[in-house]
Amino acid sequence: MTRPNVGAVVIGRNEGSRLAICVRSVVHLVATVVYVDSASSDRSVAVASELGAEVVELDSAMPFTAARARNAGFDRLSQLNPNLEFVQFIDGDCELQPGWIDVAVQFLENHDETAIVCGRRRERYPLRTLYNRLCDMEWNTPIGPTAACGGDSLVRVSALKAAGGFDSSLIAGEEPDLCFRMRMNGWNIERLGAEMTLHDADMTRLGQWWQRNVRSGYATAEAYHRRGRQDPELSRKVLSNIFWVLPLAWPLWPLLWLRVCRKTGSLYASHIVAGKLPHLVGQVKFWRNQRRGRAGELIEYK
């Protein structure tokens, strides 16, 4: 059943067949779907249009970011349907799960103090590569009140407008930034137990894992720079990562690995410990850009 008070924004770049799966999964469930393309060289624009989505093509003269794409999609969605109450944001490499929209909308309609709800995001092929498996483990976060959501979430339009949308200058970490500003405005963020999306990470190489962690480190450093004094957890993450990559801490790595392994298993423990190195690379990239007055450039792993 199509929900007339819900729209959707899909963003993507060269997602190929994944985009078709994504658009098909959402186009019959909401009033309007807008697809925002960041200079794809495949048939993404044509495919989205053929499947019934309104297409927005970003100008390549300006830097591409997921935040910029989501803002452009929401702006167009608001023009096409100004009476929407909720908007589902979804990445083009994801498939929306049946029943999610109904569960998410019902929750927001029953909880006026909540701005965003997200649900279970799982990998489509978790056993294909160990990198996909790591992503699937990463998505498995606690249910209930949370500080932030990911790229897939259902958002209350009034709260999104009051917060000023996403910060288009951020090359990563735009969702936690938006959620932080919403929480400062008195809103709640909630993670539900319902199945929300299937994600296709398509990670097959060590280099992809490295780049993804570099991007995470960059985003964490930038978030700390912007709001570290207001968010003690950010300070802990940044300072902890710096400590563990210092030579004096290297002898303690086995102890760190064992501590994480008891909670998550050996694979994820190895990911956390080894990931501190690319995280540091990302942090240094941000601090170097800050010192030189340079804007960040998109860090892609696909």
C-alpha atoms as a PDB file:
ATOM      1  CA  MET A   1       0.000   0.000   0.000  1.00  0.00           C
ATOM      2  CA  THR A   2       1.360   3.386  -1.012  1.00  0.00           C
ATOM      3  CA  ARG A   3       1.692   5.849   1.857  1.00  0.00           C
ATOM      4  CA  PRO A   4       0.692   9.339   0.630  1.00  0.00           C
ATOM      5  CA  ASN A   5       2.499  11.118   3.496  1.00  0.00           C
ATOM      6  CA  VAL A   6       5.870   9.450   2.847  1.00  0.00           C
ATOM      7  CA  GLY A   7       8.476  10.177   0.184  1.00  0.00           C
ATOM      8  CA  ALA A   8      11.867   8.637  -0.495  1.00  0.00           C
ATOM      9  CA  VAL A   9      15.298   9.897  -1.510  1.00  0.00           C
ATOM     10  CA  VAL A  10      17.695   7.448  -3.133  1.00  0.00           C
ATOM     11  CA  ILE A  11      21.305   8.457  -3.757  1.00  0.00           C
ATOM     12  CA  GLY A  12      23.886   6.681  -5.873  1.00  0.00           C
ATOM     13  CA  ARG A  13      26.861   6.659  -8.190  1.00  0.00           C
ATOM     14  CA  ASN A  14      27.483   3.809 -10.633  1.00  0.00           C
ATOM     15  CA  GLU A  15      25.477   1.300  -8.609  1.00  0.00           C
ATOM     16  CA  GLY A  16      24.420  -0.691 -11.682  1.00  0.00           C
ATOM     17  CA  SER A  17      21.937  -3.489 -11.020  1.00  0.00           C
ATOM     18  CA  ARG A  18      21.901  -2.646  -7.294  1.00  0.00           C
ATOM     19  CA  LEU A  19      20.157   0.647  -8.080  1.00  0.00           C
ATOM     20  CA  ALA A  20      17.371  -1.081  -9.990  1.00  0.00           C
ATOM     21  CA  ILE A  21      16.770  -3.371  -7.010  1.00  0.00           C
ATOM     22  CA  CYS A  22      16.738  -0.358  -4.697  1.00  0.00           C
ATOM     23  CA  VAL A  23      14.252   1.724  -6.685  1.00  0.00           C
ATOM     24  CA  ARG A  24      11.920  -1.232  -7.268  1.00  0.00           C
ATOM     25  CA  SER A  25      11.849  -1.927  -3.530  1.00  0.00           C
ATOM     26  CA  VAL A  26      10.555   1.529  -2.637  1.00  0.00           C
ATOM     27  CA  VAL A  27       8.741   3.070  -5.608  1.00  0.00           C
ATOM     28  CA  HIS A  28       5.367   1.402  -4.896  1.00  0.00           C
ATOM     29  CA  LEU A  29       5.440   2.069  -1.165  1.00  0.00           C
ATOM     30  CA  VAL A  30       5.684   5.867  -1.015  1.00  0.00           C
ATOM     31  CA  ALA A  31       4.086   8.831  -2.734  1.00  0.00           C
ATOM     32  CA  THR A  32       7.200  10.103  -4.506  1.00  0.00           C
ATOM     33  CA  VAL A  33      10.719   8.785  -5.096  1.00  0.00           C
ATOM     34  CA  VAL A  34      13.613  11.067  -6.017  1.00  0.00           C
ATOM     35  CA  TYR A  35      16.885   9.576  -7.210  1.00  0.00           C
ATOM     36  CA  VAL A  36      19.973  11.796  -6.972  1.00  0.00           C
ATOM     37  CA  ASP A  37      22.908  10.854  -9.184  1.00  0.00           C
ATOM     38  CA  SER A  38      26.527  11.919  -8.673  1.00  0.00           C
ATOM     39  CA  ALA A  39      27.918  11.777 -12.233  1.00  0.00           C
ATOM     40  CA  SER A  40      27.416   8.073 -12.867  1.00  0.00           C
ATOM     41  CA  SER A  41      28.987   6.696 -16.046  1.00  0.00           C
ATOM     42  CA  ASP A  42      26.630   3.701 -16.231  1.00  0.00           C
ATOM     43  CA  ARG A  43      22.881   3.673 -16.962  1.00  0.00           C
ATOM     44  CA  SER A  44      21.878   4.705 -13.424  1.00  0.00           C
ATOM     45  CA  VAL A  45      19.996   7.833 -14.508  1.00  0.00           C
ATOM     46  CA  ALA A  46      18.059   6.031 -17.230  1.00  0.00           C
ATOM     47  CA  VAL A  47      17.272   3.037 -15.025  1.00  0.00           C
ATOM     48  CA  ALA A  48      15.925   5.167 -12.173  1.00  0.00           C
ATOM     49  CA  SER A  49      13.776   7.200 -14.537  1.00  0.00           C
ATOM     50  CA  GLU A  50      12.393   4.107 -16.280  1.00  0.00           C
ATOM     51  CA  LEU A  51      11.394   2.663 -12.906  1.00  0.00           C
ATOM     52  CA  GLY A  52       9.367   5.757 -11.972  1.00  0.00           C
ATOM     53  CA  ALA A  53      11.748   7.876  -9.926  1.00  0.00           C
ATOM     54  CA  GLU A  54      12.207  11.605 -10.377  1.00  0.00           C
ATOM     55  CA  VAL A  55      15.881  12.134 -11.236  1.00  0.00           C
ATOM     56  CA  VAL A  56      18.194  14.893 -10.044  1.00  0.00           C
ATOM     57  CA  GLU A  57      21.695  15.011 -11.540  1.00  0.00           C
ATOM     58  CA  LEU A  58      24.222  16.874  -9.414  1.00  0.00           C
ATOM     59  CA  ASP A  59      26.464  19.442 -11.061  1.00  0.00           C
ATOM     60  CA  SER A  60      29.989  18.010 -11.224  1.00  0.00           C
ATOM     61  CA  ALA A  61      31.473  21.501 -10.832  1.00  0.00           C
ATOM     62  CA  MET A  62      30.896  21.154  -7.097  1.00  0.00           C
ATOM     63  CA  PRO A  63      32.342  18.398  -4.858  1.00  0.00           C
ATOM     64  CA  PHE A  64      30.157  15.330  -4.493  1.00  0.00           C
ATOM     65  CA  THR A  65      29.121  14.252  -1.007  1.00  0.00           C
ATOM     66  CA  ALA A  66      26.340  11.989   0.229  1.00  0.00           C
ATOM     67  CA  ALA A  67      25.055  14.895   2.330  1.00  0.00           C
ATOM     68  CA  ARG A  68      24.819  17.160  -0.711  1.00  0.00           C
ATOM     69  CA  ALA A  69      22.944  14.455  -2.617  1.00  0.00           C
ATOM     70  CA  ARG A  70      20.477  13.871   0.210  1.00  0.00           C
ATOM     71  CA  ASN A  71      19.793  17.595   0.562  1.00  0.00           C
ATOM     72  CA  ALA A  72      19.237  17.950  -3.190  1.00  0.00           C
ATOM     73  CA  GLY A  73      16.880  14.986  -3.142  1.00  0.00           C
ATOM     74  CA  PHE A  74      14.920  16.318  -0.206  1.00  0.00           C
ATOM     75  CA  ASP A  75      14.642  19.772  -1.809  1.00  0.00           C
ATOM     76  CA  ARG A  76      13.213  18.260  -4.987  1.00  0.00           C
ATOM     77  CA  LEU A  77      10.931  15.976  -3.001  1.00  0.00           C
ATOM     78  CA  SER A  78       9.562  18.993  -1.111  1.00  0.00           C
ATOM     79  CA  GLN A  79       8.862  20.778  -4.387  1.00  0.00           C
ATOM     80  CA  LEU A  80       7.013  17.805  -5.819  1.00  0.00           C
ATOM     81  CA  ASN A  81       5.060  17.010  -2.663  1.00  0.00           C
ATOM     82  CA  PRO A  82       5.165  19.811  -0.060  1.00  0.00           C
ATOM     83  CA  ASN A  83       2.758  18.026   2.293  1.00  0.00           C
ATOM     84  CA  LEU A  84       4.953  15.043   3.075  1.00  0.00           C
ATOM     85  CA  GLU A  85       5.380  14.239   6.770  1.00  0.00           C
ATOM     86  CA  PHE A  86       8.156  11.645   6.512  1.00  0.00           C
ATOM     87  CA  VAL A  87      11.029  10.885   4.156  1.00  0.00           C
ATOM     88  CA  GLN A  88      12.870   7.596   3.758  1.00  0.00           C
ATOM     89  CA  PHE A  89      16.539   8.056   2.906  1.00  0.00           C
ATOM     90  CA  ILE A  90      18.176   5.032   1.317  1.00  0.00           C
ATOM     91  CA  ASP A  91      21.495   4.396  -0.395  1.00  0.00           C
ATOM     92  CA  GLY A  92      21.421   3.055  -3.938  1.00  0.00           C
ATOM     93  CA  ASP A  93      23.200  -0.166  -2.966  1.00  0.00           C
ATOM     94  CA  CYS A  94      20.400  -1.132  -0.561  1.00  0.00           C
ATOM     95  CA  GLU A  95      17.019  -2.813  -0.864  1.00  0.00           C
ATOM     96  CA  LEU A  96      14.150  -1.698   1.367  1.00  0.00           C
ATOM     97  CA  GLN A  97      12.538  -4.599   3.199  1.00  0.00           C
ATOM     98  CA  PRO A  98       8.769  -5.262   3.015  1.00  0.00           C
ATOM     99  CA  GLY A  99       6.895  -3.917   5.999  1.00  0.00           C
ATOM    100  CA  TRP A 100       9.577  -1.463   7.118  1.00  0.00           C
ATOM    101  CA  ILE A 101       7.749   1.703   6.038  1.00  0.00           C
ATOM    102  CA  ASP A 102       4.584   0.685   7.921  1.00  0.00           C
ATOM    103  CA  VAL A 103       6.506  -0.130  11.116  1.00  0.00           C
ATOM    104  CA  ALA A 104       8.612   3.038  10.975  1.00  0.00           C
ATOM    105  CA  VAL A 105       5.733   5.388  10.192  1.00  0.00           C
ATOM    106  CA  GLN A 106       3.566   3.906  12.917  1.00  0.00           C
ATOM    107  CA  PHE A 107       6.369   4.402  15.441  1.00  0.00           C
ATOM    108  CA  LEU A 108       6.883   8.056  14.500  1.00  0.00           C
ATOM    109  CA  GLU A 109       3.154   8.719  14.514  1.00  0.00           C
ATOM    110  CA  ASN A 110       2.954   7.277  18.048  1.00  0.00           C
ATOM    111  CA  HIS A 111       6.102   9.026  19.326  1.00  0.00           C
ATOM    112  CA  ASP A 112       5.957  12.751  18.660  1.00  0.00           C
ATOM    113  CA  GLU A 113       9.298  13.300  20.391  1.00  0.00           C
ATOM    114  CA  THR A 114      11.218  11.105  17.914  1.00  0.00           C
ATOM    115  CA  ALA A 115      12.817  12.613  14.811  1.00  0.00           C
ATOM    116  CA  ILE A 116      14.401   9.561  13.168  1.00  0.00           C
ATOM    117  CA  VAL A 117      13.931   5.814  13.222  1.00  0.00           C
ATOM    118  CA  CYS A 118      16.216   3.227  11.691  1.00  0.00           C
ATOM    119  CA  GLY A 119      16.039  -0.553  11.747  1.00  0.00           C
ATOM    120  CA  ARG A 120      18.067  -3.641  10.987  1.00  0.00           C
ATOM    121  CA  ARG A 121      20.458  -3.218   8.081  1.00  0.00           C
ATOM    122  CA  ARG A 122      22.011  -6.483   6.950  1.00  0.00           C
ATOM    123  CA  GLU A 123      24.460  -7.511   4.258  1.00  0.00           C
ATOM    124  CA  ARG A 124      23.009  -9.273   1.217  1.00  0.00           C
ATOM    125  CA  TYR A 125      26.033 -11.552   0.876  1.00  0.00           C
ATOM    126  CA  PRO A 126      27.644 -11.724   4.332  1.00  0.00           C
ATOM    127  CA  LEU A 127      29.475 -14.987   3.632  1.00  0.00           C
ATOM    128  CA  ARG A 128      30.876 -14.029   0.228  1.00  0.00           C
ATOM    129  CA  THR A 129      33.929 -12.245   1.665  1.00  0.00           C
ATOM    130  CA  LEU A 130      35.238 -11.614   5.164  1.00  0.00           C
ATOM    131  CA  TYR A 131      34.912  -7.869   4.474  1.00  0.00           C
ATOM    132  CA  ASN A 132      31.189  -8.268   3.803  1.00  0.00           C
ATOM    133  CA  ARG A 133      30.926 -10.283   7.001  1.00  0.00           C
ATOM    134  CA  LEU A 134      32.570  -7.463   8.935  1.00  0.00           C
ATOM    135  CA  CYS A 135      30.039  -4.987   7.545  1.00  0.00           C
ATOM    136  CA  ASP A 136      27.193  -7.276   8.582  1.00  0.00           C
ATOM    137  CA  MET A 137      28.602  -7.427  12.098  1.00  0.00           C
ATOM    138  CA  GLU A 138      29.035  -3.668  12.165  1.00  0.00           C
ATOM    139  CA  TRP A 139      25.355  -3.111  11.303  1.00  0.00           C
ATOM    140  CA  ASN A 140      24.268  -5.246  14.279  1.00  0.00           C
ATOM    141  CA  THR A 141      23.879  -2.424  16.794  1.00  0.00           C
ATOM    142  CA  PRO A 142      21.688  -2.315  19.942  1.00  0.00           C
ATOM    143  CA  ILE A 143      17.944  -1.718  19.687  1.00  0.00           C
ATOM    144  CA  GLY A 144      16.407   1.277  21.428  1.00  0.00           C
ATOM    145  CA  PRO A 145      17.380   4.939  21.894  1.00  0.00           C
ATOM    146  CA  THR A 146      20.591   5.728  20.024  1.00  0.00           C
ATOM    147  CA  ALA A 147      22.833   8.697  19.336  1.00  0.00           C
ATOM    148  CA  ALA A 148      22.850   8.364  15.561  1.00  0.00           C
ATOM    149  CA  CYS A 149      21.558   6.511  12.517  1.00  0.00           C
ATOM    150  CA  GLY A 150      23.154   5.473   9.231  1.00  0.00           C
ATOM    151  CA  GLY A 151      22.410   6.328   5.607  1.00  0.00           C
ATOM    152  CA  ASP A 152      19.124   4.400   5.661  1.00  0.00           C
ATOM    153  CA  SER A 153      16.480   5.876   7.946  1.00  0.00           C
ATOM    154  CA  LEU A 154      12.965   7.319   8.086  1.00  0.00           C
ATOM    155  CA  VAL A 155      13.023  10.974   9.096  1.00  0.00           C
ATOM    156  CA  ARG A 156      10.313  13.331  10.314  1.00  0.00           C
ATOM    157  CA  VAL A 157      10.188  16.199   7.800  1.00  0.00           C
ATOM    158  CA  SER A 158       9.517  18.920  10.384  1.00  0.00           C
ATOM    159  CA  ALA A 159      12.551  17.862  12.424  1.00  0.00           C
ATOM    160  CA  LEU A 160      14.760  17.707   9.340  1.00  0.00           C
ATOM    161  CA  LYS A 161      13.768  21.219   8.297  1.00  0.00           C
ATOM    162  CA  ALA A 162      14.257  22.590  11.809  1.00  0.00           C
ATOM    163  CA  ALA A 163      17.780  21.140  11.888  1.00  0.00           C
ATOM    164  CA  GLY A 164      18.659  22.695   8.532  1.00  0.00           C
ATOM    165  CA  GLY A 165      19.161  19.375   6.745  1.00  0.00           C
ATOM    166  CA  PHE A 166      22.476  17.617   6.264  1.00  0.00           C
ATOM    167  CA  ASP A 167      25.772  19.493   6.243  1.00  0.00           C
ATOM    168  CA  SER A 168      26.829  19.248   2.590  1.00  0.00           C
ATOM    169  CA  SER A 169      30.447  20.060   3.387  1.00  0.00           C
ATOM    170  CA  LEU A 170      30.950  16.764   5.244  1.00  0.00           C
ATOM    171  CA  ILE A 171      32.545  14.021   3.138  1.00  0.00           C
ATOM    172  CA  ALA A 172      31.445  11.403   5.695  1.00  0.00           C
ATOM    173  CA  GLY A 173      29.661  11.209   9.031  1.00  0.00           C
ATOM    174  CA  GLU A 174      26.796  13.427   7.895  1.00  0.00           C
ATOM    175  CA  GLU A 175      24.126  11.301   9.606  1.00  0.00           C
ATOM    176  CA  PRO A 176      25.675  11.425  13.126  1.00  0.00           C
ATOM    177  CA  ASP A 177      26.154  15.164  12.640  1.00  0.00           C
ATOM    178  CA  LEU A 178      22.478  15.634  11.749  1.00  0.00           C
ATOM    179  CA  CYS A 179      21.381  13.408  14.633  1.00  0.00           C
ATOM    180  CA  PHE A 180      23.538  15.377  17.059  1.00  0.00           C
ATOM    181  CA  ARG A 181      21.935  18.662  16.003  1.00  0.00           C
ATOM    182  CA  MET A 182      18.486  17.103  16.267  1.00  0.00           C
ATOM    183  CA  ARG A 183      19.230  15.826  19.776  1.00  0.00           C
ATOM    184  CA  MET A 184      20.399  19.304  20.715  1.00  0.00           C
ATOM    185  CA  ASN A 185      16.959  20.487  19.550  1.00  0.00           C
ATOM    186  CA  GLY A 186      15.300  18.042  21.958  1.00  0.00           C
ATOM    187  CA  TRP A 187      14.506  15.203  19.550  1.00  0.00           C
ATOM    188  CA  ASN A 188      15.078  11.479  20.111  1.00  0.00           C
ATOM    189  CA  ILE A 189      16.655   8.979  17.705  1.00  0.00           C
ATOM    190  CA  GLU A 190      15.446   5.376  17.851  1.00  0.00           C
ATOM    191  CA  ARG A 191      16.699   2.083  16.432  1.00  0.00           C
ATOM    192  CA  LEU A 192      13.926  -0.482  15.941  1.00  0.00           C
ATOM    193  CA  GLY A 193      14.237  -4.249  15.768  1.00  0.00           C
ATOM    194  CA  ALA A 194      12.386  -4.457  12.446  1.00  0.00           C
ATOM    195  CA  GLU A 195      14.199  -5.444   9.247  1.00  0.00           C
ATOM    196  CA  MET A 196      14.916  -2.254   7.265  1.00  0.00           C
ATOM    197  CA  THR A 197      17.351  -2.813   4.375  1.00  0.00           C
ATOM    198  CA  LEU A 198      19.653  -5.279   2.678  1.00  0.00           C
ATOM    199  CA  HIS A 199      23.009  -3.698   1.822  1.00  0.00           C
ATOM    200  CA  ASP A 200      25.461  -4.856  -0.820  1.00  0.00           C
ATOM    201  CA  ALA A 201      28.917  -3.751   0.316  1.00  0.00           C
ATOM    202  CA  ASP A 202      30.602  -5.625  -2.537  1.00  0.00           C
ATOM    203  CA  MET A 203      33.927  -5.520  -0.697  1.00  0.00           C
ATOM    204  CA  THR A 204      36.400  -8.036  -2.064  1.00  0.00           C
ATOM    205  CA  ARG A 205      39.825  -6.459  -1.505  1.00  0.00           C
ATOM    206  CA  LEU A 206      41.973  -5.376   1.421  1.00  0.00           C
ATOM    207  CA  GLY A 207      42.331  -1.944  -0.173  1.00  0.00           C
ATOM    208  CA  GLN A 208      38.573  -1.381   0.064  1.00  0.00           C
ATOM    209  CA  TRP A 209      38.598  -2.273   3.744  1.00  0.00           C
ATOM    210  CA  TRP A 210      41.522   0.124   4.269  1.00  0.00           C
ATOM    211  CA  GLN A 211      39.838   3.038   2.453  1.00  0.00           C
ATOM    212  CA  ARG A 212      36.582   2.517   4.315  1.00  0.00           C
ATOM    213  CA  ASN A 213      38.435   2.762   7.623  1.00  0.00           C
ATOM    214  CA  VAL A 214      40.369   5.824   6.447  1.00  0.00           C
ATOM    215  CA  ARG A 215      37.038   7.497   5.716  1.00  0.00           C
ATOM    216  CA  SER A 216      35.757   6.539   9.163  1.00  0.00           C
ATOM    217  CA  GLY A 217      38.851   7.989  10.827  1.00  0.00           C
ATOM    218  CA  TYR A 218      38.503  11.215   8.846  1.00  0.00           C
ATOM    219  CA  ALA A 219      34.828  11.542   9.816  1.00  0.00           C
ATOM    220  CA  THR A 220      35.565  10.911  13.497  1.00  0.00           C
ATOM    221  CA  ALA A 221      38.336  13.526  13.563  1.00  0.00           C
ATOM    222  CA  GLU A 222      36.118  16.102  11.882  1.00  0.00           C
ATOM    223  CA  ALA A 223      33.255  15.387  14.266  1.00  0.00           C
ATOM    224  CA  TYR A 224      35.639  15.771  17.204  1.00  0.00           C
ATOM    225  CA  HIS A 225      36.845  19.091  15.771  1.00  0.00           C
ATOM    226  CA  ARG A 226      33.277  20.365  15.461  1.00  0.00           C
ATOM    227  CA  ARG A 227      31.662  19.116  18.646  1.00  0.00           C
ATOM    228  CA  GLY A 228      34.213  17.254  20.742  1.00  0.00           C
ATOM    229  CA  ARG A 229      33.586  19.361  23.832  1.00  0.00           C
ATOM    230  CA  GLN A 230      29.867  18.616  23.638  1.00  0.00           C
ATOM    231  CA  ASP A 231      30.279  14.896  22.956  1.00  0.00           C
ATOM    232  CA  PRO A 232      32.567  13.040  25.415  1.00  0.00           C
ATOM    233  CA  GLU A 233      32.243   9.785  23.459  1.00  0.00           C
ATOM    234  CA  LEU A 234      33.900  11.404  20.443  1.00  0.00           C
ATOM    235  CA  SER A 235      36.811  12.547  22.584  1.00  0.00           C
ATOM    236  CA  ARG A 236      37.227   9.020  23.910  1.00  0.00           C
ATOM    237  CA  LYS A 237      37.253   7.509  20.405  1.00  0.00           C
ATOM    238  CA  VAL A 238      39.823   9.928  18.995  1.00  0.00           C
ATOM    239  CA  LEU A 239      42.164   9.861  21.979  1.00  0.00           C
ATOM    240  CA  SER A 240      41.887   6.084  22.308  1.00  0.00           C
ATOM    241  CA  ASN A 241      42.833   5.575  18.674  1.00  0.00           C
ATOM    242  CA  ILE A 242      45.848   7.877  19.028  1.00  0.00           C
ATOM    243  CA  PHE A 243      47.001   6.018  22.139  1.00  0.00           C
ATOM    244  CA  TRP A 244      46.787   2.548  20.587  1.00  0.00           C
ATOM    245  CA  VAL A 245      48.895   3.476  17.552  1.00  0.00           C
ATOM    246  CA  LEU A 246      51.710   4.901  19.665  1.00  0.00           C
ATOM    247  CA  PRO A 247      54.787   2.597  19.760  1.00  0.00           C
ATOM    248  CA  LEU A 248      54.597   2.337  23.564  1.00  0.00           C
ATOM    249  CA  ALA A 249      51.128   0.747  23.219  1.00  0.00           C
ATOM    250  CA  TRP A 250      52.092  -1.885  20.638  1.00  0.00           C
ATOM    251  CA  PRO A 251      53.031  -4.515  23.259  1.00  0.00           C
ATOM    252  CA  LEU A 252      49.490  -4.177  24.620  1.00  0.00           C
ATOM    253  CA  TRP A 253      47.789  -4.997  21.298  1.00  0.00           C
ATOM    254  CA  PRO A 254      47.330  -8.700  22.176  1.00  0.00           C
ATOM    255  CA  LEU A 255      45.523  -7.669  25.356  1.00  0.00           C
ATOM    256  CA  LEU A 256      43.276  -5.303  23.405  1.00  0.00           C
ATOM    257  CA  TRP A 257      42.565  -8.054  20.881  1.00  0.00           C
ATOM    258  CA  LEU A 258      41.637 -10.514  23.630  1.00  0.00           C
ATOM    259  CA  ARG A 259      39.348  -8.000  25.316  1.00  0.00           C
ATOM    260  CA  VAL A 260      37.438  -7.325  22.095  1.00  0.00           C
ATOM    261  CA  CYS A 261      37.488 -10.985  21.083  1.00  0.00           C
ATOM    262  CA  ARG A 262      35.631 -12.036  24.231  1.00  0.00           C
ATOM    263  CA  LYS A 263      32.742  -9.775  23.201  1.00  0.00           C
ATOM    264  CA  THR A 264      32.688 -10.061  19.416  1.00  0.00           C
ATOM    265  CA  GLY A 265      34.853 -12.970  18.254  1.00  0.00           C
ATOM    266  CA  SER A 266      38.252 -13.163  16.608  1.00  0.00           C
ATOM    267  CA  LEU A 267      37.353 -11.718  13.187  1.00  0.00           C
ATOM    268  CA  TYR A 268      35.800  -8.525  14.497  1.00  0.00           C
ATOM    269  CA  ALA A 269      38.535  -8.154  17.108  1.00  0.00           C
ATOM    270  CA  SER A 270      41.151  -8.274  14.346  1.00  0.00           C
ATOM    271  CA  HIS A 271      39.170  -5.683  12.411  1.00  0.00           C
ATOM    272  CA  ILE A 272      39.014  -3.330  15.397  1.00  0.00           C
ATOM    273  CA  VAL A 273      42.688  -3.625  16.309  1.00  0.00           C
ATOM    274  CA  ALA A 274      44.131  -3.512  12.792  1.00  0.00           C
ATOM    275  CA  GLY A 275      41.650  -0.794  11.826  1.00  0.00           C
ATOM    276  CA  LYS A 276      43.307   1.659  14.186  1.00  0.00           C
ATOM    277  CA  LEU A 277      46.071   2.200  11.604  1.00  0.00           C
ATOM    278  CA  PRO A 278      43.846   3.366   8.691  1.00  0.00           C
ATOM    279  CA  HIS A 279      41.743   5.265  11.208  1.00  0.00           C
ATOM    280  CA  LEU A 280      44.848   7.227  12.160  1.00  0.00           C
ATOM    281  CA  VAL A 281      45.587   7.885   8.480  1.00  0.00           C
ATOM    282  CA  GLY A 282      42.097   9.356   8.136  1.00  0.00           C
ATOM    283  CA  GLN A 283      42.509  11.473  11.261  1.00  0.00           C
ATOM    284  CA  VAL A 284      45.840  12.823  10.009  1.00  0.00           C
ATOM    285  CA  LYS A 285      44.272  13.632   6.633  1.00  0.00           C
ATOM    286  CA  PHE A 286      41.647  15.745   8.351  1.00  0.00           C
ATOM    287  CA  TRP A 287      44.083  17.572  10.633  1.00  0.00           C
ATOM    288  CA  ARG A 288      46.426  18.238   7.722  1.00  0.00           C
ATOM    289  CA  ASN A 289      43.567  19.669   5.666  1.00  0.00           C
ATOM    290  CA  GLN A 290      42.569  21.857   8.607  1.00  0.00           C
ATOM    291  CA  ARG A 291      46.081  23.205   8.998  1.00  0.00           C
ATOM    292  CA  ARG A 292      46.325  23.976   5.277  1.00  0.00           C
ATOM    293  CA  GLY A 293      42.798  25.356   5.001  1.00  0.00           C
ATOM    294  CA  ARG A 294      41.739  22.748   2.457  1.00  0.00           C
ATOM    295  CA  ALA A 295      38.327  21.191   2.018  1.00  0.00           C
ATOM    296  CA  GLY A 296      38.065  17.422   2.286  1.00  0.00           C
ATOM    297  CA  GLU A 297      37.755  15.267  -0.827  1.00  0.00           C
ATOM    298  CA  LEU A 298      35.398  12.316  -1.125  1.00  0.00           C
ATOM    299  CA  ILE A 299      36.954   9.058   0.121  1.00  0.00           C
ATOM    300  CA  GLU A 300      35.400   6.142  -1.778  1.00  0.00           C
ATOM    301  CA  TYR A 301      35.994   2.449  -1.179  1.00  0.00           C
ATOM    302  CA  LYS A 302      34.086   1.033  -4.173  1.00  0.00           C
END
